[in-house]
Amino acid sequence: MGRKTLALLILALAIPGAALAAKPSTHTSRSKAAPTVMYVLKGTLWNYTAASSTAAGSITIHVTHSNYHGRALRNTDVTFGVSADTATTLNGATTISNGARGIVKFRALKNMTSSGLLTALSTTNMTAFQVIAR
């Protein structure tokens, strides 16, 4: 009687475990969209025009340093659009004067080639995510 009871107990414990393990996973959390990253550019700012409620502004930066993603833009001049949603930190000033040191951040596709990034920036007026003047 002991062997039968032990065999039934093992069988009873194995069936629910097998039923749980047999369910396939139907949910995937991976997005099909191309990943984007933040490009951080540091350098000299000029030609800053603030955005108004009726018109977009702009800013130009001469890039002297960048994060890994923006390395293709070093030693170039890049002009960005500034919208009303662009976060702008002026550090106590009322505007950004020409020659001020600062940071411009924007989002773009990850792993773009150097020529692809330069082309994307020159053909469209990329909008800055954040502008920081020091």
N, C-alpha and C. Protein backbone atom coordinates (compact mmCIF):
# COMPACT_ATOMS: atom_id res chain seq x y z
N MET A 1 0.81 -1.18 0.00
CA MET A 1 0.00 0.00 0.00
C MET A 1 0.86 1.25 0.00
N GLY A 2 2.00 1.23 0.56
CA GLY A 2 2.90 2.37 0.64
C GLY A 2 3.43 2.77 -0.72
N ARG A 3 3.74 1.77 -1.58
CA ARG A 3 4.27 2.09 -2.90
C ARG A 3 3.20 2.74 -3.78
N LYS A 4 1.98 2.25 -3.71
CA LYS A 4 0.90 2.83 -4.50
C LYS A 4 0.63 4.27 -4.08
N THR A 5 0.63 4.52 -2.81
CA THR A 5 0.38 5.86 -2.30
C THR A 5 1.49 6.81 -2.74
N LEU A 6 2.73 6.36 -2.65
CA LEU A 6 3.86 7.17 -3.06
C LEU A 6 3.80 7.46 -4.56
N ALA A 7 3.46 6.46 -5.37
CA ALA A 7 3.35 6.64 -6.82
C ALA A 7 2.23 7.62 -7.17
N LEU A 8 1.08 7.53 -6.51
CA LEU A 8 -0.02 8.45 -6.75
C LEU A 8 0.35 9.89 -6.33
N LEU A 9 1.06 10.00 -5.23
CA LEU A 9 1.49 11.32 -4.76
C LEU A 9 2.46 11.97 -5.76
N ILE A 10 3.40 11.23 -6.26
CA ILE A 10 4.35 11.75 -7.25
C ILE A 10 3.62 12.13 -8.53
N LEU A 11 2.69 11.28 -8.97
CA LEU A 11 1.92 11.55 -10.17
C LEU A 11 1.06 12.81 -9.99
N ALA A 12 0.46 12.98 -8.83
CA ALA A 12 -0.40 14.14 -8.56
C ALA A 12 0.42 15.43 -8.54
N LEU A 13 1.65 15.36 -8.07
CA LEU A 13 2.50 16.55 -8.06
C LEU A 13 3.07 16.85 -9.43
N ALA A 14 3.28 15.86 -10.27
CA ALA A 14 3.90 16.06 -11.58
C ALA A 14 2.91 16.63 -12.60
N ILE A 15 1.63 16.29 -12.53
CA ILE A 15 0.66 16.72 -13.54
C ILE A 15 0.49 18.24 -13.57
N PRO A 16 0.28 18.95 -12.44
CA PRO A 16 0.14 20.40 -12.52
C PRO A 16 1.42 21.08 -13.01
N GLY A 17 2.57 20.57 -12.64
CA GLY A 17 3.83 21.15 -13.10
C GLY A 17 3.99 21.00 -14.59
N ALA A 18 3.61 19.87 -15.14
CA ALA A 18 3.70 19.65 -16.58
C ALA A 18 2.70 20.52 -17.32
N ALA A 19 1.54 20.73 -16.74
CA ALA A 19 0.53 21.57 -17.39
C ALA A 19 1.00 23.03 -17.45
N LEU A 20 1.64 23.51 -16.40
CA LEU A 20 2.14 24.88 -16.39
C LEU A 20 3.31 25.05 -17.35
N ALA A 21 4.17 24.07 -17.43
CA ALA A 21 5.34 24.17 -18.29
C ALA A 21 4.97 24.05 -19.77
N ALA A 22 3.85 23.44 -20.08
CA ALA A 22 3.49 23.21 -21.47
C ALA A 22 2.88 24.43 -22.15
N LYS A 23 2.47 25.46 -21.38
CA LYS A 23 1.84 26.63 -21.99
C LYS A 23 2.87 27.45 -22.73
N PRO A 24 2.64 27.72 -24.01
CA PRO A 24 3.59 28.56 -24.76
C PRO A 24 3.38 30.03 -24.41
N SER A 25 4.43 30.79 -24.50
CA SER A 25 4.36 32.22 -24.24
C SER A 25 3.86 32.91 -25.51
N THR A 26 2.71 33.57 -25.42
CA THR A 26 2.13 34.23 -26.59
C THR A 26 2.38 35.73 -26.58
N HIS A 27 2.85 36.28 -25.47
CA HIS A 27 3.04 37.72 -25.38
C HIS A 27 4.52 38.05 -25.55
N THR A 28 4.81 38.94 -26.47
CA THR A 28 6.17 39.43 -26.62
C THR A 28 6.16 40.93 -26.35
N SER A 29 7.16 41.42 -25.67
CA SER A 29 7.21 42.84 -25.32
C SER A 29 8.17 43.62 -26.20
N ARG A 30 8.69 43.01 -27.23
CA ARG A 30 9.62 43.71 -28.10
C ARG A 30 8.89 44.57 -29.12
N SER A 31 9.33 45.77 -29.23
CA SER A 31 8.73 46.71 -30.17
C SER A 31 9.34 46.51 -31.56
N LYS A 32 8.56 46.74 -32.57
CA LYS A 32 9.04 46.65 -33.95
C LYS A 32 9.62 47.97 -34.44
N ALA A 33 9.47 49.04 -33.65
CA ALA A 33 9.96 50.36 -34.04
C ALA A 33 11.48 50.41 -33.95
N ALA A 34 12.09 51.21 -34.79
CA ALA A 34 13.54 51.39 -34.75
C ALA A 34 13.90 52.16 -33.48
N PRO A 35 14.94 51.73 -32.76
CA PRO A 35 15.29 52.40 -31.51
C PRO A 35 15.90 53.78 -31.75
N THR A 36 15.57 54.71 -30.87
CA THR A 36 16.14 56.04 -30.93
C THR A 36 16.97 56.28 -29.68
N VAL A 37 17.95 57.18 -29.78
CA VAL A 37 18.83 57.50 -28.66
C VAL A 37 18.97 59.01 -28.55
N MET A 38 19.50 59.46 -27.44
CA MET A 38 19.74 60.87 -27.20
C MET A 38 21.15 61.23 -27.65
N TYR A 39 21.26 62.21 -28.52
CA TYR A 39 22.54 62.75 -28.95
C TYR A 39 22.80 63.99 -28.11
N VAL A 40 23.98 64.08 -27.49
CA VAL A 40 24.33 65.21 -26.64
C VAL A 40 25.53 65.91 -27.28
N LEU A 41 25.33 67.17 -27.70
CA LEU A 41 26.36 67.94 -28.36
C LEU A 41 26.77 69.11 -27.49
N LYS A 42 28.08 69.32 -27.30
CA LYS A 42 28.59 70.43 -26.51
C LYS A 42 29.44 71.32 -27.40
N GLY A 43 29.34 72.62 -27.19
CA GLY A 43 30.15 73.52 -28.00
C GLY A 43 29.73 74.97 -27.85
N THR A 44 29.97 75.75 -28.90
CA THR A 44 29.70 77.18 -28.91
C THR A 44 28.36 77.44 -29.60
N LEU A 45 27.50 78.20 -28.92
CA LEU A 45 26.16 78.50 -29.43
C LEU A 45 26.13 79.88 -30.06
N TRP A 46 25.33 80.04 -31.11
CA TRP A 46 25.08 81.36 -31.68
C TRP A 46 23.80 81.34 -32.51
N ASN A 47 23.38 82.53 -32.91
CA ASN A 47 22.16 82.73 -33.70
C ASN A 47 20.93 82.12 -33.03
N TYR A 48 20.79 82.34 -31.73
CA TYR A 48 19.63 81.82 -31.00
C TYR A 48 18.42 82.71 -31.24
N THR A 49 17.34 82.10 -31.66
CA THR A 49 16.05 82.77 -31.79
C THR A 49 15.04 81.96 -31.01
N ALA A 50 14.43 82.57 -30.02
CA ALA A 50 13.46 81.87 -29.19
C ALA A 50 12.19 81.57 -29.97
N ALA A 51 11.55 80.48 -29.63
CA ALA A 51 10.28 80.12 -30.28
C ALA A 51 9.15 80.95 -29.66
N SER A 52 8.22 81.34 -30.49
CA SER A 52 7.04 82.05 -30.00
C SER A 52 5.83 81.15 -30.22
N SER A 53 4.68 81.64 -29.87
CA SER A 53 3.47 80.83 -30.04
C SER A 53 3.09 80.68 -31.50
N THR A 54 3.60 81.56 -32.36
CA THR A 54 3.25 81.50 -33.79
C THR A 54 4.38 81.01 -34.69
N ALA A 55 5.63 81.08 -34.23
CA ALA A 55 6.76 80.70 -35.08
C ALA A 55 7.80 79.91 -34.29
N ALA A 56 8.47 79.01 -34.98
CA ALA A 56 9.54 78.23 -34.37
C ALA A 56 10.82 79.06 -34.34
N GLY A 57 11.68 78.76 -33.40
CA GLY A 57 12.97 79.43 -33.32
C GLY A 57 14.06 78.54 -33.86
N SER A 58 15.32 78.95 -33.65
CA SER A 58 16.44 78.14 -34.10
C SER A 58 17.67 78.46 -33.27
N ILE A 59 18.65 77.57 -33.34
CA ILE A 59 19.94 77.76 -32.69
C ILE A 59 20.98 77.01 -33.49
N THR A 60 22.19 77.56 -33.54
CA THR A 60 23.31 76.92 -34.22
C THR A 60 24.38 76.61 -33.19
N ILE A 61 25.00 75.44 -33.30
CA ILE A 61 26.07 75.03 -32.39
C ILE A 61 27.27 74.57 -33.20
N HIS A 62 28.45 75.03 -32.79
CA HIS A 62 29.70 74.49 -33.33
C HIS A 62 30.11 73.40 -32.35
N VAL A 63 30.04 72.14 -32.78
CA VAL A 63 30.23 70.99 -31.90
C VAL A 63 31.72 70.77 -31.64
N THR A 64 32.11 70.83 -30.38
CA THR A 64 33.49 70.52 -30.00
C THR A 64 33.60 69.20 -29.26
N HIS A 65 32.49 68.74 -28.69
CA HIS A 65 32.48 67.49 -27.94
C HIS A 65 31.07 66.89 -28.03
N SER A 66 30.99 65.57 -27.95
CA SER A 66 29.67 64.92 -28.00
C SER A 66 29.74 63.59 -27.26
N ASN A 67 28.57 62.99 -27.08
CA ASN A 67 28.56 61.64 -26.55
C ASN A 67 28.90 60.67 -27.68
N TYR A 68 28.89 59.39 -27.41
CA TYR A 68 29.29 58.38 -28.38
C TYR A 68 28.47 58.46 -29.66
N HIS A 69 27.19 58.66 -29.54
CA HIS A 69 26.30 58.66 -30.70
C HIS A 69 26.56 59.84 -31.64
N GLY A 70 26.97 60.97 -31.12
CA GLY A 70 27.15 62.15 -31.93
C GLY A 70 28.58 62.41 -32.38
N ARG A 71 29.45 61.42 -32.31
CA ARG A 71 30.86 61.63 -32.63
C ARG A 71 31.08 62.07 -34.08
N ALA A 72 30.16 61.74 -34.99
CA ALA A 72 30.31 62.14 -36.39
C ALA A 72 30.10 63.65 -36.56
N LEU A 73 29.50 64.30 -35.59
CA LEU A 73 29.19 65.73 -35.71
C LEU A 73 30.27 66.63 -35.12
N ARG A 74 31.34 66.06 -34.55
CA ARG A 74 32.39 66.88 -33.96
C ARG A 74 33.04 67.76 -35.02
N ASN A 75 33.37 68.99 -34.63
CA ASN A 75 34.00 70.00 -35.49
C ASN A 75 33.13 70.40 -36.68
N THR A 76 31.81 70.35 -36.50
CA THR A 76 30.89 70.81 -37.52
C THR A 76 29.93 71.84 -36.91
N ASP A 77 29.27 72.60 -37.76
CA ASP A 77 28.24 73.54 -37.33
C ASP A 77 26.89 72.94 -37.70
N VAL A 78 25.99 72.86 -36.72
CA VAL A 78 24.69 72.25 -36.93
C VAL A 78 23.62 73.22 -36.44
N THR A 79 22.58 73.42 -37.24
CA THR A 79 21.47 74.29 -36.87
C THR A 79 20.26 73.43 -36.52
N PHE A 80 19.65 73.73 -35.40
CA PHE A 80 18.47 73.01 -34.92
C PHE A 80 17.29 73.96 -34.80
N GLY A 81 16.11 73.41 -34.98
CA GLY A 81 14.90 74.14 -34.71
C GLY A 81 14.63 74.15 -33.21
N VAL A 82 14.01 75.20 -32.73
CA VAL A 82 13.62 75.31 -31.33
C VAL A 82 12.12 75.53 -31.31
N SER A 83 11.39 74.61 -30.69
CA SER A 83 9.94 74.74 -30.61
C SER A 83 9.54 75.24 -29.23
N ALA A 84 8.26 75.44 -29.04
CA ALA A 84 7.76 75.86 -27.73
C ALA A 84 7.93 74.75 -26.70
N ASP A 85 8.04 73.49 -27.16
CA ASP A 85 8.22 72.36 -26.25
C ASP A 85 9.68 72.09 -25.90
N THR A 86 10.61 72.76 -26.55
CA THR A 86 12.03 72.56 -26.27
C THR A 86 12.37 73.14 -24.91
N ALA A 87 12.95 72.30 -24.05
CA ALA A 87 13.37 72.77 -22.73
C ALA A 87 14.62 73.63 -22.89
N THR A 88 14.55 74.88 -22.40
CA THR A 88 15.67 75.80 -22.54
C THR A 88 16.09 76.28 -21.17
N THR A 89 17.37 76.07 -20.84
CA THR A 89 17.93 76.52 -19.57
C THR A 89 18.92 77.63 -19.87
N LEU A 90 18.63 78.83 -19.38
CA LEU A 90 19.46 79.99 -19.67
C LEU A 90 20.39 80.37 -18.52
N ASN A 91 20.28 79.71 -17.38
CA ASN A 91 21.13 79.95 -16.21
C ASN A 91 21.19 81.42 -15.81
N GLY A 92 20.02 82.02 -15.66
CA GLY A 92 19.92 83.39 -15.18
C GLY A 92 19.94 84.46 -16.25
N ALA A 93 20.31 84.12 -17.46
CA ALA A 93 20.34 85.12 -18.53
C ALA A 93 18.94 85.23 -19.15
N THR A 94 18.73 86.27 -19.94
CA THR A 94 17.44 86.44 -20.60
C THR A 94 17.44 85.83 -21.99
N THR A 95 18.60 85.70 -22.59
CA THR A 95 18.73 85.10 -23.91
C THR A 95 20.11 84.45 -24.01
N ILE A 96 20.36 83.74 -25.10
CA ILE A 96 21.66 83.11 -25.32
C ILE A 96 22.44 84.01 -26.26
N SER A 97 23.56 84.54 -25.78
CA SER A 97 24.36 85.44 -26.62
C SER A 97 25.29 84.62 -27.52
N ASN A 98 25.68 85.22 -28.64
CA ASN A 98 26.59 84.56 -29.56
C ASN A 98 27.93 84.28 -28.86
N GLY A 99 28.45 83.09 -29.05
CA GLY A 99 29.73 82.71 -28.44
C GLY A 99 29.58 82.04 -27.08
N ALA A 100 28.37 81.88 -26.59
CA ALA A 100 28.17 81.24 -25.30
C ALA A 100 28.43 79.74 -25.43
N ARG A 101 28.98 79.16 -24.38
CA ARG A 101 29.19 77.72 -24.35
C ARG A 101 27.87 77.07 -23.94
N GLY A 102 27.59 75.90 -24.51
CA GLY A 102 26.33 75.27 -24.16
C GLY A 102 26.20 73.85 -24.68
N ILE A 103 25.02 73.30 -24.47
CA ILE A 103 24.71 71.92 -24.82
C ILE A 103 23.40 71.90 -25.58
N VAL A 104 23.34 71.09 -26.63
CA VAL A 104 22.10 70.86 -27.37
C VAL A 104 21.88 69.36 -27.41
N LYS A 105 20.67 68.94 -27.02
CA LYS A 105 20.33 67.52 -27.04
C LYS A 105 19.20 67.30 -28.05
N PHE A 106 19.27 66.18 -28.78
CA PHE A 106 18.20 65.81 -29.69
C PHE A 106 18.13 64.29 -29.79
N ARG A 107 16.98 63.80 -30.22
CA ARG A 107 16.77 62.36 -30.37
C ARG A 107 16.76 62.00 -31.85
N ALA A 108 17.43 60.89 -32.17
CA ALA A 108 17.45 60.39 -33.54
C ALA A 108 17.67 58.89 -33.50
N LEU A 109 17.62 58.27 -34.66
CA LEU A 109 17.80 56.83 -34.74
C LEU A 109 19.16 56.40 -34.22
N LYS A 110 19.18 55.25 -33.58
CA LYS A 110 20.41 54.68 -33.05
C LYS A 110 21.25 54.09 -34.19
N ASN A 111 22.55 54.15 -34.04
CA ASN A 111 23.52 53.55 -34.96
C ASN A 111 23.42 54.08 -36.38
N MET A 112 23.16 55.35 -36.53
CA MET A 112 23.17 55.95 -37.87
C MET A 112 24.62 56.10 -38.32
N THR A 113 24.86 55.93 -39.61
CA THR A 113 26.19 56.14 -40.13
C THR A 113 26.50 57.64 -40.12
N SER A 114 27.77 57.97 -40.22
CA SER A 114 28.17 59.38 -40.21
C SER A 114 27.51 60.16 -41.33
N SER A 115 27.54 59.60 -42.54
CA SER A 115 26.94 60.31 -43.67
C SER A 115 25.42 60.36 -43.54
N GLY A 116 24.81 59.31 -43.01
CA GLY A 116 23.36 59.30 -42.81
C GLY A 116 22.91 60.33 -41.80
N LEU A 117 23.68 60.49 -40.73
CA LEU A 117 23.34 61.48 -39.70
C LEU A 117 23.50 62.90 -40.25
N LEU A 118 24.58 63.16 -40.96
CA LEU A 118 24.79 64.49 -41.54
C LEU A 118 23.73 64.81 -42.57
N THR A 119 23.32 63.83 -43.35
CA THR A 119 22.27 64.04 -44.35
C THR A 119 20.93 64.32 -43.68
N ALA A 120 20.62 63.56 -42.64
CA ALA A 120 19.35 63.77 -41.94
C ALA A 120 19.28 65.15 -41.31
N LEU A 121 20.40 65.63 -40.78
CA LEU A 121 20.42 66.95 -40.15
C LEU A 121 20.39 68.07 -41.17
N SER A 122 20.96 67.86 -42.35
CA SER A 122 21.00 68.94 -43.33
C SER A 122 19.71 69.05 -44.15
N THR A 123 19.03 67.92 -44.37
CA THR A 123 17.83 67.97 -45.20
C THR A 123 16.59 68.40 -44.41
N THR A 124 16.55 68.10 -43.15
CA THR A 124 15.40 68.49 -42.33
C THR A 124 15.87 69.38 -41.19
N ASN A 125 15.02 70.23 -40.74
CA ASN A 125 15.36 71.07 -39.61
C ASN A 125 15.04 70.30 -38.34
N MET A 126 16.02 69.57 -37.83
CA MET A 126 15.85 68.75 -36.64
C MET A 126 15.53 69.65 -35.45
N THR A 127 14.53 69.29 -34.67
CA THR A 127 14.15 70.08 -33.50
C THR A 127 14.93 69.62 -32.28
N ALA A 128 15.50 70.55 -31.57
CA ALA A 128 16.26 70.25 -30.36
C ALA A 128 15.31 69.80 -29.26
N PHE A 129 15.77 68.82 -28.48
CA PHE A 129 15.00 68.33 -27.33
C PHE A 129 15.24 69.25 -26.14
N GLN A 130 16.51 69.68 -25.95
CA GLN A 130 16.87 70.54 -24.83
C GLN A 130 18.05 71.41 -25.23
N VAL A 131 18.06 72.68 -24.78
CA VAL A 131 19.16 73.59 -25.00
C VAL A 131 19.58 74.12 -23.64
N ILE A 132 20.88 74.04 -23.34
CA ILE A 132 21.41 74.52 -22.06
C ILE A 132 22.54 75.49 -22.35
N ALA A 133 22.43 76.72 -21.85
CA ALA A 133 23.49 77.71 -21.99
C ALA A 133 24.21 77.81 -20.65
N ARG A 134 25.52 77.87 -20.72
CA ARG A 134 26.30 77.95 -19.45
C ARG A 134 26.62 79.38 -19.11
